[in-house]
């Protein structure tokens, strides 16, 4: 694609971060702390989904939780890097 026609990255406020997790998961708790912090700093929205309550998420991500999605696309799993998440949201 020509540089003249590239889309401008979405503003952080227009992004949605989804944390796919399960109860009692210490890595999930760690991931949530990073997601909460970065989203608050950059103004992005975030949500969490319990992998046990969504069969599609379970089938796709069970061996990778916690999983972080940005606008429905997988960003990372297991450990969330604060700087990498911030960069992904701010472009």
Foldseek 3Di string as FASTA:
>chain_A
DDPVPDDDDDQQQPKEKEWEAAPPDPLSVQQVVLVVVLCVVRVHHYYYDYLVVDVVSCVPDVVFPRWMDMNNHTDHTSHDDNVSVNVVSHD
